[in-house]
Structure formats: structure tokens, C-alpha cells
């Protein structure tokens, strides 16, 4: 997805992408700090939340390219989707997550988290609630897409 930052400081976690249902969701967020700094994070509802190190932003109004690789986005082993991918990629996509900002991996980690198939996906808003991520992104979601690979 492409996002435009709001130009304001707000270290409250703002949702970029939320996938799942209340009580069983993956919530990708950004925190924006003074001096063109930010952190991205992901909350796995009921399991844990992980957050990146602080990184520099081009500006407080920058347009960022955000890629999220979450196990919930990929089918179970045996699905036809996997037939063209090497075993190492299949294993990685089913057992790890990655958050990439402007082609730099900002956050990654191992993960075993079951989420219901065909869960709803929300961009820039969090209608599911929870205790960490706010209800909306104060910037603009400019573009969303989901690639085959």
C-alpha cells in the first residue's frame, strides 16, 4: 500500500492494515514521532505486539510504500498457490511476518498465529477495537493492492 503521512506528531499507534475479527486479528500500525521519526508495529490480538526500532522519515508528510507479509494472507500448505514457490519461501511465509517500508524490512519475526481464512481486511481503520491500536490512521491511504507473490 502507499500512504501519505499526516504531517503531525502522534505517538499513538495508528492502524495501517487490520485483518481478522474482534479477538482474533493482526493489526499493523505506525507511530509518528517528532524530528521525522517513526516506528511500525504489529499486534497479534491475544498473543503479543512487536514494534520496530525508530527509523527516519523523509518528512512528516512523506509518501511511504508499505508492504505487509502476514501468514494470514497466505493459504494453507497444499494449496495450488504454493506450487511455483520454493520450499524455503513457503515455510517463511507461513511461519514469519515482515513489515517493509520503502523496500527496507523494518520489522520481522517468527509467528504461529491462527486466523480464520477469508477474514476481512481494513485499510487505515480499526473497526475491531482492542487496547493498543487507535481507530483510524490520520494520514491518507493512497493505494492498496495485493500481489500474487
C-alpha atoms as a PDB file:
ATOM      1  CA  UNK A   1       0.000   0.000   0.000  1.00  0.00           C
ATOM      2  CA  UNK A   2       1.031   3.612  -0.440  1.00  0.00           C
ATOM      3  CA  UNK A   3       0.324   6.022   2.395  1.00  0.00           C
ATOM      4  CA  UNK A   4       0.744   9.740   2.871  1.00  0.00           C
ATOM      5  CA  UNK A   5       1.747  10.676   6.411  1.00  0.00           C
ATOM      6  CA  UNK A   6      -0.431  13.237   8.203  1.00  0.00           C
ATOM      7  CA  UNK A   7       2.347  15.772   8.876  1.00  0.00           C
ATOM      8  CA  UNK A   8       1.656  15.753  12.608  1.00  0.00           C
ATOM      9  CA  UNK A   9       3.171  14.034  15.614  1.00  0.00           C
ATOM     10  CA  UNK A  10       1.153  11.356  17.336  1.00  0.00           C
ATOM     11  CA  UNK A  11       2.949   8.513  19.026  1.00  0.00           C
ATOM     12  CA  UNK A  12      -0.378   6.686  19.389  1.00  0.00           C
ATOM     13  CA  UNK A  13      -0.370   3.518  17.221  1.00  0.00           C
ATOM     14  CA  UNK A  14      -2.403   4.342  14.107  1.00  0.00           C
ATOM     15  CA  UNK A  15      -3.775   1.450  12.015  1.00  0.00           C
ATOM     16  CA  UNK A  16      -2.434   0.870   8.534  1.00  0.00           C
ATOM     17  CA  UNK A  17      -3.876  -2.590   7.968  1.00  0.00           C
ATOM     18  CA  UNK A  18      -6.175  -4.689  10.148  1.00  0.00           C
ATOM     19  CA  UNK A  19      -7.098  -8.255   9.274  1.00  0.00           C
ATOM     20  CA  UNK A  20      -9.379 -10.551  11.223  1.00  0.00           C
ATOM     21  CA  UNK A  21     -12.234 -10.344  13.660  1.00  0.00           C
ATOM     22  CA  UNK A  22     -12.619  -8.963  17.172  1.00  0.00           C
ATOM     23  CA  UNK A  23     -10.431 -11.061  19.459  1.00  0.00           C
ATOM     24  CA  UNK A  24      -8.550 -12.728  16.579  1.00  0.00           C
ATOM     25  CA  UNK A  25      -6.808 -10.153  14.416  1.00  0.00           C
ATOM     26  CA  UNK A  26      -3.486  -8.914  13.078  1.00  0.00           C
ATOM     27  CA  UNK A  27      -3.149  -5.130  13.327  1.00  0.00           C
ATOM     28  CA  UNK A  28      -0.275  -3.364  11.529  1.00  0.00           C
ATOM     29  CA  UNK A  29       0.321   0.171  12.781  1.00  0.00           C
ATOM     30  CA  UNK A  30       2.629   3.182  12.663  1.00  0.00           C
ATOM     31  CA  UNK A  31       3.707   5.590  15.408  1.00  0.00           C
ATOM     32  CA  UNK A  32       4.916   9.003  14.256  1.00  0.00           C
ATOM     33  CA  UNK A  33       7.339  10.978  16.436  1.00  0.00           C
ATOM     34  CA  UNK A  34       8.952  14.423  16.323  1.00  0.00           C
ATOM     35  CA  UNK A  35      12.028  15.073  14.186  1.00  0.00           C
ATOM     36  CA  UNK A  36      10.875  12.889  11.262  1.00  0.00           C
ATOM     37  CA  UNK A  37      10.986   9.616  13.201  1.00  0.00           C
ATOM     38  CA  UNK A  38       8.628   6.639  13.262  1.00  0.00           C
ATOM     39  CA  UNK A  39       8.170   3.046  14.366  1.00  0.00           C
ATOM     40  CA  UNK A  40       5.982   0.374  12.795  1.00  0.00           C
ATOM     41  CA  UNK A  41       4.445  -2.446  14.713  1.00  0.00           C
ATOM     42  CA  UNK A  42       2.079  -5.342  14.555  1.00  0.00           C
ATOM     43  CA  UNK A  43      -0.269  -6.656  17.202  1.00  0.00           C
ATOM     44  CA  UNK A  44      -1.377 -10.268  17.136  1.00  0.00           C
ATOM     45  CA  UNK A  45      -4.505  -9.966  19.254  1.00  0.00           C
ATOM     46  CA  UNK A  46      -4.306 -12.152  22.341  1.00  0.00           C
ATOM     47  CA  UNK A  47      -0.707 -13.198  21.614  1.00  0.00           C
ATOM     48  CA  UNK A  48       1.716 -10.249  21.532  1.00  0.00           C
ATOM     49  CA  UNK A  49       2.684  -6.976  19.904  1.00  0.00           C
ATOM     50  CA  UNK A  50       6.059  -6.314  18.268  1.00  0.00           C
ATOM     51  CA  UNK A  51       7.470  -2.924  17.310  1.00  0.00           C
ATOM     52  CA  UNK A  52      10.404  -1.831  15.140  1.00  0.00           C
ATOM     53  CA  UNK A  53      13.347   0.282  16.121  1.00  0.00           C
ATOM     54  CA  UNK A  54      12.945   4.010  15.481  1.00  0.00           C
ATOM     55  CA  UNK A  55      13.677   4.946  11.862  1.00  0.00           C
ATOM     56  CA  UNK A  56      13.990   8.182   9.895  1.00  0.00           C
ATOM     57  CA  UNK A  57      11.191   9.502   7.703  1.00  0.00           C
ATOM     58  CA  UNK A  58      11.908  11.574   4.579  1.00  0.00           C
ATOM     59  CA  UNK A  59       9.495  14.183   6.012  1.00  0.00           C
ATOM     60  CA  UNK A  60       6.414  14.386   8.206  1.00  0.00           C
ATOM     61  CA  UNK A  61       4.247  14.473   5.037  1.00  0.00           C
ATOM     62  CA  UNK A  62       6.159  11.739   3.195  1.00  0.00           C
ATOM     63  CA  UNK A  63       4.550   9.162   0.944  1.00  0.00           C
ATOM     64  CA  UNK A  64       5.615   5.690   2.060  1.00  0.00           C
ATOM     65  CA  UNK A  65       5.390   2.321   0.380  1.00  0.00           C
ATOM     66  CA  UNK A  66       4.284  -0.246   2.982  1.00  0.00           C
ATOM     67  CA  UNK A  67       4.338  -3.988   2.363  1.00  0.00           C
ATOM     68  CA  UNK A  68       2.950  -6.451   4.870  1.00  0.00           C
ATOM     69  CA  UNK A  69       3.675 -10.149   4.714  1.00  0.00           C
ATOM     70  CA  UNK A  70       1.466 -11.819   7.306  1.00  0.00           C
ATOM     71  CA  UNK A  71       0.750 -15.567   7.499  1.00  0.00           C
ATOM     72  CA  UNK A  72      -2.987 -14.784   7.414  1.00  0.00           C
ATOM     73  CA  UNK A  73      -2.608 -13.640   3.795  1.00  0.00           C
ATOM     74  CA  UNK A  74      -1.318 -16.991   2.570  1.00  0.00           C
ATOM     75  CA  UNK A  75      -3.205 -20.256   2.045  1.00  0.00           C
ATOM     76  CA  UNK A  76      -2.556 -23.500   3.878  1.00  0.00           C
ATOM     77  CA  UNK A  77       0.111 -25.911   2.644  1.00  0.00           C
ATOM     78  CA  UNK A  78      -1.121 -27.932  -0.325  1.00  0.00           C
ATOM     79  CA  UNK A  79      -2.939 -25.007  -1.982  1.00  0.00           C
ATOM     80  CA  UNK A  80      -2.123 -24.509  -5.693  1.00  0.00           C
ATOM     81  CA  UNK A  81      -0.685 -21.061  -4.822  1.00  0.00           C
ATOM     82  CA  UNK A  82       2.468 -22.718  -3.437  1.00  0.00           C
ATOM     83  CA  UNK A  83       3.342 -24.945  -6.401  1.00  0.00           C
ATOM     84  CA  UNK A  84       5.603 -22.342  -8.094  1.00  0.00           C
ATOM     85  CA  UNK A  85       7.400 -21.259  -4.917  1.00  0.00           C
ATOM     86  CA  UNK A  86      10.487 -22.893  -3.392  1.00  0.00           C
ATOM     87  CA  UNK A  87      10.058 -24.721  -0.073  1.00  0.00           C
ATOM     88  CA  UNK A  88      12.070 -22.053   1.800  1.00  0.00           C
ATOM     89  CA  UNK A  89       9.670 -19.292   0.670  1.00  0.00           C
ATOM     90  CA  UNK A  90       6.610 -21.400   1.525  1.00  0.00           C
ATOM     91  CA  UNK A  91       7.958 -22.062   5.015  1.00  0.00           C
ATOM     92  CA  UNK A  92       8.929 -18.418   5.555  1.00  0.00           C
ATOM     93  CA  UNK A  93       5.529 -17.041   4.531  1.00  0.00           C
ATOM     94  CA  UNK A  94       3.648 -19.470   6.769  1.00  0.00           C
ATOM     95  CA  UNK A  95       5.844 -19.056   9.885  1.00  0.00           C
ATOM     96  CA  UNK A  96       7.138 -15.458   9.816  1.00  0.00           C
ATOM     97  CA  UNK A  97       5.895 -11.941   9.290  1.00  0.00           C
ATOM     98  CA  UNK A  98       7.617  -8.973   7.626  1.00  0.00           C
ATOM     99  CA  UNK A  99       6.746  -5.265   7.560  1.00  0.00           C
ATOM    100  CA  UNK A 100       8.632  -3.444   4.801  1.00  0.00           C
ATOM    101  CA  UNK A 101       8.763   0.359   4.493  1.00  0.00           C
ATOM    102  CA  UNK A 102      10.214   1.829   1.285  1.00  0.00           C
ATOM    103  CA  UNK A 103      11.873  -1.523   0.483  1.00  0.00           C
ATOM    104  CA  UNK A 104      13.573  -1.801   3.900  1.00  0.00           C
ATOM    105  CA  UNK A 105      12.493  -4.578   6.264  1.00  0.00           C
ATOM    106  CA  UNK A 106      11.649  -2.631   9.412  1.00  0.00           C
ATOM    107  CA  UNK A 107      10.102  -5.448  11.425  1.00  0.00           C
ATOM    108  CA  UNK A 108      10.130  -9.219  11.151  1.00  0.00           C
ATOM    109  CA  UNK A 109       9.753 -12.185  13.405  1.00  0.00           C
ATOM    110  CA  UNK A 110       8.653 -15.769  13.821  1.00  0.00           C
ATOM    111  CA  UNK A 111       4.953 -16.385  14.179  1.00  0.00           C
ATOM    112  CA  UNK A 112       2.466 -19.132  14.840  1.00  0.00           C
ATOM    113  CA  UNK A 113      -0.935 -17.470  14.941  1.00  0.00           C
ATOM    114  CA  UNK A 114      -4.123 -18.983  13.596  1.00  0.00           C
ATOM    115  CA  UNK A 115      -6.574 -16.620  11.999  1.00  0.00           C
ATOM    116  CA  UNK A 116      -9.789 -17.575  10.237  1.00  0.00           C
ATOM    117  CA  UNK A 117      -9.498 -17.866   6.461  1.00  0.00           C
ATOM    118  CA  UNK A 118     -11.106 -15.131   4.360  1.00  0.00           C
ATOM    119  CA  UNK A 119     -11.015 -12.692   7.272  1.00  0.00           C
ATOM    120  CA  UNK A 120     -11.994  -9.116   6.447  1.00  0.00           C
ATOM    121  CA  UNK A 121      -9.170  -6.651   5.716  1.00  0.00           C
ATOM    122  CA  UNK A 122      -9.402  -2.966   6.650  1.00  0.00           C
ATOM    123  CA  UNK A 123      -7.027  -0.237   5.437  1.00  0.00           C
ATOM    124  CA  UNK A 124      -6.372   2.827   7.582  1.00  0.00           C
ATOM    125  CA  UNK A 125      -9.048   1.970  10.114  1.00  0.00           C
ATOM    126  CA  UNK A 126      -9.565  -0.358  13.030  1.00  0.00           C
ATOM    127  CA  UNK A 127     -13.241  -1.218  13.493  1.00  0.00           C
ATOM    128  CA  UNK A 128     -12.350  -4.214  15.673  1.00  0.00           C
ATOM    129  CA  UNK A 129     -11.279  -2.372  18.823  1.00  0.00           C
ATOM    130  CA  UNK A 130      -8.623  -3.677  21.190  1.00  0.00           C
ATOM    131  CA  UNK A 131      -6.417  -1.905  23.670  1.00  0.00           C
ATOM    132  CA  UNK A 132      -3.366  -0.859  21.630  1.00  0.00           C
ATOM    133  CA  UNK A 133      -4.186   0.418  18.129  1.00  0.00           C
ATOM    134  CA  UNK A 134      -6.329   3.537  17.649  1.00  0.00           C
ATOM    135  CA  UNK A 135      -9.456   3.594  15.499  1.00  0.00           C
ATOM    136  CA  UNK A 136      -8.078   5.375  12.407  1.00  0.00           C
ATOM    137  CA  UNK A 137      -4.998   6.496  10.513  1.00  0.00           C
ATOM    138  CA  UNK A 138      -4.834  10.299  10.372  1.00  0.00           C
ATOM    139  CA  UNK A 139      -2.889  10.330   7.114  1.00  0.00           C
ATOM    140  CA  UNK A 140      -4.196   9.115   3.770  1.00  0.00           C
ATOM    141  CA  UNK A 141      -4.208   5.652   2.253  1.00  0.00           C
ATOM    142  CA  UNK A 142      -3.369   6.441  -1.372  1.00  0.00           C
ATOM    143  CA  UNK A 143      -3.307   2.944  -2.848  1.00  0.00           C
ATOM    144  CA  UNK A 144      -3.802  -0.665  -1.824  1.00  0.00           C
ATOM    145  CA  UNK A 145      -3.039  -3.861  -3.671  1.00  0.00           C
ATOM    146  CA  UNK A 146      -2.367  -7.498  -3.073  1.00  0.00           C
ATOM    147  CA  UNK A 147       0.150  -9.237  -5.274  1.00  0.00           C
ATOM    148  CA  UNK A 148       0.197 -12.900  -6.222  1.00  0.00           C
ATOM    149  CA  UNK A 149       3.724 -13.326  -4.842  1.00  0.00           C
END
